């Protein structure tokens, strides 16, 4: 039986925390930053957690 491969895009975007939750980065922080306020850009810098409803899909992509 062949090995199950991890989706390479998912392994670059998600990390597992110590408690088993999935950490992610915010979108909209890569370019066209001149029209975004300082407060918004600062808030997008921090990491967030994947929503409970999306966790099964992300875990399937990461083969967890």
PDB file of N, CA and C in Angstrom:
ATOM      1  N   UNK A   1       0.843  -1.183   0.000  1.00  0.00           N
ATOM      2  CA  UNK A   1       0.000   0.000   0.000  1.00  0.00           C
ATOM      3  C   UNK A   1       0.893   1.253   0.000  1.00  0.00           C
ATOM      4  N   UNK A   2       0.607   2.235  -0.840  1.00  0.00           N
ATOM      5  CA  UNK A   2       1.472   3.421  -0.883  1.00  0.00           C
ATOM      6  C   UNK A   2       1.281   4.319   0.336  1.00  0.00           C
ATOM      7  N   UNK A   3       2.279   5.156   0.567  1.00  0.00           N
ATOM      8  CA  UNK A   3       2.204   6.108   1.679  1.00  0.00           C
ATOM      9  C   UNK A   3       1.160   7.176   1.367  1.00  0.00           C
ATOM     10  N   UNK A   4       0.524   7.695   2.409  1.00  0.00           N
ATOM     11  CA  UNK A   4      -0.434   8.781   2.257  1.00  0.00           C
ATOM     12  C   UNK A   4       0.349  10.084   2.290  1.00  0.00           C
ATOM     13  N   UNK A   5       0.189  10.900   1.268  1.00  0.00           N
ATOM     14  CA  UNK A   5       0.952  12.136   1.190  1.00  0.00           C
ATOM     15  C   UNK A   5       0.177  13.302   1.798  1.00  0.00           C
ATOM     16  N   UNK A   6       0.917  14.199   2.425  1.00  0.00           N
ATOM     17  CA  UNK A   6       0.359  15.430   2.973  1.00  0.00           C
ATOM     18  C   UNK A   6       0.226  16.443   1.849  1.00  0.00           C
ATOM     19  N   UNK A   7      -0.848  17.231   1.862  1.00  0.00           N
ATOM     20  CA  UNK A   7      -0.995  18.314   0.882  1.00  0.00           C
ATOM     21  C   UNK A   7       0.081  19.351   1.172  1.00  0.00           C
ATOM     22  N   UNK A   8       0.932  19.637   0.184  1.00  0.00           N
ATOM     23  CA  UNK A   8       2.079  20.510   0.435  1.00  0.00           C
ATOM     24  C   UNK A   8       1.659  21.943   0.737  1.00  0.00           C
ATOM     25  N   UNK A   9       0.533  22.396   0.169  1.00  0.00           N
ATOM     26  CA  UNK A   9       0.046  23.738   0.485  1.00  0.00           C
ATOM     27  C   UNK A   9      -0.417  23.840   1.928  1.00  0.00           C
ATOM     28  N   UNK A  10      -1.010  22.778   2.458  1.00  0.00           N
ATOM     29  CA  UNK A  10      -1.511  22.780   3.834  1.00  0.00           C
ATOM     30  C   UNK A  10      -0.373  22.728   4.836  1.00  0.00           C
ATOM     31  N   UNK A  11       0.668  21.971   4.544  1.00  0.00           N
ATOM     32  CA  UNK A  11       1.760  21.865   5.518  1.00  0.00           C
ATOM     33  C   UNK A  11       2.530  23.177   5.645  1.00  0.00           C
ATOM     34  N   UNK A  12       2.456  24.032   4.615  1.00  0.00           N
ATOM     35  CA  UNK A  12       3.095  25.343   4.689  1.00  0.00           C
ATOM     36  C   UNK A  12       2.238  26.350   5.451  1.00  0.00           C
ATOM     37  N   UNK A  13       0.930  26.120   5.521  1.00  0.00           N
ATOM     38  CA  UNK A  13       0.010  27.116   6.075  1.00  0.00           C
ATOM     39  C   UNK A  13      -0.457  26.841   7.496  1.00  0.00           C
ATOM     40  N   UNK A  14      -0.400  25.597   7.951  1.00  0.00           N
ATOM     41  CA  UNK A  14      -0.949  25.233   9.249  1.00  0.00           C
ATOM     42  C   UNK A  14       0.096  24.571  10.129  1.00  0.00           C
ATOM     43  N   UNK A  15      -0.013  24.836  11.450  1.00  0.00           N
ATOM     44  CA  UNK A  15       0.836  24.186  12.438  1.00  0.00           C
ATOM     45  C   UNK A  15      -0.054  23.683  13.567  1.00  0.00           C
ATOM     46  N   UNK A  16       0.355  22.612  14.192  1.00  0.00           N
ATOM     47  CA  UNK A  16      -0.394  22.041  15.297  1.00  0.00           C
ATOM     48  C   UNK A  16       0.110  22.642  16.610  1.00  0.00           C
ATOM     49  N   UNK A  17      -0.812  23.004  17.511  1.00  0.00           N
ATOM     50  CA  UNK A  17      -0.420  23.507  18.824  1.00  0.00           C
ATOM     51  C   UNK A  17      -0.229  22.318  19.758  1.00  0.00           C
ATOM     52  N   UNK A  18       0.231  22.597  20.960  1.00  0.00           N
ATOM     53  CA  UNK A  18       0.458  21.539  21.941  1.00  0.00           C
ATOM     54  C   UNK A  18      -0.816  20.856  22.382  1.00  0.00           C
ATOM     55  N   UNK A  19      -1.933  21.581  22.352  1.00  0.00           N
ATOM     56  CA  UNK A  19      -3.210  21.006  22.790  1.00  0.00           C
ATOM     57  C   UNK A  19      -3.969  20.340  21.645  1.00  0.00           C
ATOM     58  N   UNK A  20      -3.398  20.335  20.432  1.00  0.00           N
ATOM     59  CA  UNK A  20      -4.034  19.666  19.312  1.00  0.00           C
ATOM     60  C   UNK A  20      -4.870  20.569  18.422  1.00  0.00           C
ATOM     61  N   UNK A  21      -4.897  21.866  18.735  1.00  0.00           N
ATOM     62  CA  UNK A  21      -5.612  22.803  17.863  1.00  0.00           C
ATOM     63  C   UNK A  21      -4.721  23.147  16.674  1.00  0.00           C
ATOM     64  N   UNK A  22      -5.318  23.737  15.644  1.00  0.00           N
ATOM     65  CA  UNK A  22      -4.563  24.055  14.435  1.00  0.00           C
ATOM     66  C   UNK A  22      -4.411  25.568  14.322  1.00  0.00           C
ATOM     67  N   UNK A  23      -3.157  26.012  14.224  1.00  0.00           N
ATOM     68  CA  UNK A  23      -2.828  27.427  14.156  1.00  0.00           C
ATOM     69  C   UNK A  23      -2.760  27.851  12.699  1.00  0.00           C
ATOM     70  N   UNK A  24      -3.170  29.098  12.430  1.00  0.00           N
ATOM     71  CA  UNK A  24      -3.141  29.612  11.067  1.00  0.00           C
ATOM     72  C   UNK A  24      -2.773  31.081  11.082  1.00  0.00           C
ATOM     73  N   UNK A  25      -2.415  31.613   9.921  1.00  0.00           N
ATOM     74  CA  UNK A  25      -2.140  33.036   9.780  1.00  0.00           C
ATOM     75  C   UNK A  25      -3.351  33.709   9.142  1.00  0.00           C
ATOM     76  N   UNK A  26      -3.445  35.029   9.315  1.00  0.00           N
ATOM     77  CA  UNK A  26      -4.526  35.784   8.709  1.00  0.00           C
ATOM     78  C   UNK A  26      -4.213  36.111   7.254  1.00  0.00           C
ATOM     79  N   UNK A  27      -5.261  36.244   6.467  1.00  0.00           N
ATOM     80  CA  UNK A  27      -5.113  36.632   5.067  1.00  0.00           C
ATOM     81  C   UNK A  27      -5.066  38.161   4.952  1.00  0.00           C
ATOM     82  N   UNK A  28      -4.863  38.658   3.761  1.00  0.00           N
ATOM     83  CA  UNK A  28      -4.890  40.088   3.424  1.00  0.00           C
ATOM     84  C   UNK A  28      -3.743  40.883   4.054  1.00  0.00           C
ATOM     85  N   UNK A  29      -2.581  40.273   4.250  1.00  0.00           N
ATOM     86  CA  UNK A  29      -1.455  40.995   4.833  1.00  0.00           C
ATOM     87  C   UNK A  29      -0.249  40.982   3.889  1.00  0.00           C
ATOM     88  N   UNK A  30      -0.446  40.577   2.631  1.00  0.00           N
ATOM     89  CA  UNK A  30       0.711  40.402   1.750  1.00  0.00           C
ATOM     90  C   UNK A  30       1.010  41.612   0.874  1.00  0.00           C
ATOM     91  N   UNK A  31      -0.016  42.269   0.347  1.00  0.00           N
ATOM     92  CA  UNK A  31       0.233  43.421  -0.527  1.00  0.00           C
ATOM     93  C   UNK A  31      -0.974  44.352  -0.508  1.00  0.00           C
ATOM     94  N   UNK A  32      -0.848  45.494  -1.180  1.00  0.00           N
ATOM     95  CA  UNK A  32      -1.847  46.579  -1.162  1.00  0.00           C
ATOM     96  C   UNK A  32      -2.135  46.972   0.293  1.00  0.00           C
ATOM     97  N   UNK A  33      -1.071  47.349   0.996  1.00  0.00           N
ATOM     98  CA  UNK A  33      -1.204  47.675   2.411  1.00  0.00           C
ATOM     99  C   UNK A  33      -1.404  49.168   2.652  1.00  0.00           C
ATOM    100  N   UNK A  34      -1.299  50.000   1.599  1.00  0.00           N
ATOM    101  CA  UNK A  34      -1.396  51.443   1.795  1.00  0.00           C
ATOM    102  C   UNK A  34      -2.797  51.880   2.196  1.00  0.00           C
ATOM    103  N   UNK A  35      -3.814  51.193   1.693  1.00  0.00           N
ATOM    104  CA  UNK A  35      -5.193  51.588   2.007  1.00  0.00           C
ATOM    105  C   UNK A  35      -5.716  50.951   3.285  1.00  0.00           C
ATOM    106  N   UNK A  36      -4.926  50.077   3.899  1.00  0.00           N
ATOM    107  CA  UNK A  36      -5.342  49.449   5.149  1.00  0.00           C
ATOM    108  C   UNK A  36      -4.768  50.237   6.322  1.00  0.00           C
ATOM    109  N   UNK A  37      -5.567  50.361   7.355  1.00  0.00           N
ATOM    110  CA  UNK A  37      -5.154  51.132   8.521  1.00  0.00           C
ATOM    111  C   UNK A  37      -4.100  50.392   9.337  1.00  0.00           C
ATOM    112  N   UNK A  38      -3.385  51.137  10.171  1.00  0.00           N
ATOM    113  CA  UNK A  38      -2.344  50.554  11.017  1.00  0.00           C
ATOM    114  C   UNK A  38      -2.924  49.522  11.969  1.00  0.00           C
ATOM    115  N   UNK A  39      -4.085  49.831  12.519  1.00  0.00           N
ATOM    116  CA  UNK A  39      -4.736  48.918  13.465  1.00  0.00           C
ATOM    117  C   UNK A  39      -5.091  47.587  12.786  1.00  0.00           C
ATOM    118  N   UNK A  40      -5.615  47.661  11.565  1.00  0.00           N
ATOM    119  CA  UNK A  40      -5.978  46.444  10.832  1.00  0.00           C
ATOM    120  C   UNK A  40      -4.745  45.614  10.514  1.00  0.00           C
ATOM    121  N   UNK A  41      -3.684  46.270  10.050  1.00  0.00           N
ATOM    122  CA  UNK A  41      -2.451  45.547   9.705  1.00  0.00           C
ATOM    123  C   UNK A  41      -1.839  44.891  10.937  1.00  0.00           C
ATOM    124  N   UNK A  42      -1.883  45.576  12.065  1.00  0.00           N
ATOM    125  CA  UNK A  42      -1.337  45.020  13.303  1.00  0.00           C
ATOM    126  C   UNK A  42      -2.151  43.813  13.757  1.00  0.00           C
ATOM    127  N   UNK A  43      -3.475  43.879  13.603  1.00  0.00           N
ATOM    128  CA  UNK A  43      -4.338  42.767  13.993  1.00  0.00           C
ATOM    129  C   UNK A  43      -4.119  41.554  13.085  1.00  0.00           C
ATOM    130  N   UNK A  44      -3.829  41.787  11.811  1.00  0.00           N
ATOM    131  CA  UNK A  44      -3.609  40.686  10.871  1.00  0.00           C
ATOM    132  C   UNK A  44      -2.269  39.996  11.092  1.00  0.00           C
ATOM    133  N   UNK A  45      -1.358  40.652  11.818  1.00  0.00           N
ATOM    134  CA  UNK A  45      -0.048  40.063  12.087  1.00  0.00           C
ATOM    135  C   UNK A  45      -0.166  38.843  12.992  1.00  0.00           C
ATOM    136  N   UNK A  46      -1.091  38.898  13.954  1.00  0.00           N
ATOM    137  CA  UNK A  46      -1.209  37.824  14.940  1.00  0.00           C
ATOM    138  C   UNK A  46      -1.830  36.567  14.326  1.00  0.00           C
ATOM    139  N   UNK A  47      -1.457  35.435  14.883  1.00  0.00           N
ATOM    140  CA  UNK A  47      -1.992  34.166  14.391  1.00  0.00           C
ATOM    141  C   UNK A  47      -3.367  33.908  15.003  1.00  0.00           C
ATOM    142  N   UNK A  48      -4.127  33.057  14.344  1.00  0.00           N
ATOM    143  CA  UNK A  48      -5.438  32.669  14.832  1.00  0.00           C
ATOM    144  C   UNK A  48      -5.540  31.157  14.844  1.00  0.00           C
ATOM    145  N   UNK A  49      -6.704  30.671  15.193  1.00  0.00           N
ATOM    146  CA  UNK A  49      -6.955  29.228  15.200  1.00  0.00           C
ATOM    147  C   UNK A  49      -7.981  28.886  14.128  1.00  0.00           C
ATOM    148  N   UNK A  50      -7.850  27.706  13.576  1.00  0.00           N
ATOM    149  CA  UNK A  50      -8.807  27.223  12.578  1.00  0.00           C
ATOM    150  C   UNK A  50     -10.136  26.962  13.284  1.00  0.00           C
ATOM    151  N   UNK A  51     -11.227  27.327  12.653  1.00  0.00           N
ATOM    152  CA  UNK A  51     -12.562  27.131  13.200  1.00  0.00           C
ATOM    153  C   UNK A  51     -12.845  25.640  13.399  1.00  0.00           C
ATOM    154  N   UNK A  52     -13.637  25.330  14.433  1.00  0.00           N
ATOM    155  CA  UNK A  52     -13.991  23.934  14.747  1.00  0.00           C
ATOM    156  C   UNK A  52     -14.602  23.216  13.543  1.00  0.00           C
ATOM    157  N   UNK A  53     -15.429  23.934  12.769  1.00  0.00           N
ATOM    158  CA  UNK A  53     -16.104  23.326  11.622  1.00  0.00           C
ATOM    159  C   UNK A  53     -15.117  22.973  10.517  1.00  0.00           C
ATOM    160  N   UNK A  54     -13.998  23.707  10.419  1.00  0.00           N
ATOM    161  CA  UNK A  54     -13.016  23.462   9.371  1.00  0.00           C
ATOM    162  C   UNK A  54     -11.911  22.504   9.790  1.00  0.00           C
ATOM    163  N   UNK A  55     -11.822  22.194  11.076  1.00  0.00           N
ATOM    164  CA  UNK A  55     -10.740  21.341  11.567  1.00  0.00           C
ATOM    165  C   UNK A  55     -10.681  19.971  10.900  1.00  0.00           C
ATOM    166  N   UNK A  56     -11.816  19.267  10.688  1.00  0.00           N
ATOM    167  CA  UNK A  56     -11.721  17.951  10.042  1.00  0.00           C
ATOM    168  C   UNK A  56     -11.109  18.013   8.638  1.00  0.00           C
ATOM    169  N   UNK A  57     -11.452  19.064   7.865  1.00  0.00           N
ATOM    170  CA  UNK A  57     -10.892  19.189   6.520  1.00  0.00           C
ATOM    171  C   UNK A  57      -9.390  19.433   6.559  1.00  0.00           C
ATOM    172  N   UNK A  58      -8.949  20.294   7.468  1.00  0.00           N
ATOM    173  CA  UNK A  58      -7.526  20.602   7.574  1.00  0.00           C
ATOM    174  C   UNK A  58      -6.752  19.380   8.069  1.00  0.00           C
ATOM    175  N   UNK A  59      -7.314  18.668   9.030  1.00  0.00           N
ATOM    176  CA  UNK A  59      -6.660  17.453   9.542  1.00  0.00           C
ATOM    177  C   UNK A  59      -6.551  16.396   8.458  1.00  0.00           C
ATOM    178  N   UNK A  60      -7.544  16.322   7.577  1.00  0.00           N
ATOM    179  CA  UNK A  60      -7.489  15.373   6.467  1.00  0.00           C
ATOM    180  C   UNK A  60      -6.381  15.745   5.494  1.00  0.00           C
ATOM    181  N   UNK A  61      -6.192  17.059   5.269  1.00  0.00           N
ATOM    182  CA  UNK A  61      -5.121  17.507   4.366  1.00  0.00           C
ATOM    183  C   UNK A  61      -3.744  17.258   4.958  1.00  0.00           C
ATOM    184  N   UNK A  62      -3.661  17.326   6.306  1.00  0.00           N
ATOM    185  CA  UNK A  62      -2.385  17.108   6.996  1.00  0.00           C
ATOM    186  C   UNK A  62      -2.178  15.662   7.396  1.00  0.00           C
ATOM    187  N   UNK A  63      -3.172  14.814   7.182  1.00  0.00           N
ATOM    188  CA  UNK A  63      -3.134  13.404   7.555  1.00  0.00           C
ATOM    189  C   UNK A  63      -2.854  13.215   9.049  1.00  0.00           C
ATOM    190  N   UNK A  64      -3.600  13.950   9.870  1.00  0.00           N
ATOM    191  CA  UNK A  64      -3.442  13.843  11.336  1.00  0.00           C
ATOM    192  C   UNK A  64      -4.486  12.882  11.866  1.00  0.00           C
TER     193      UNK A  64
END
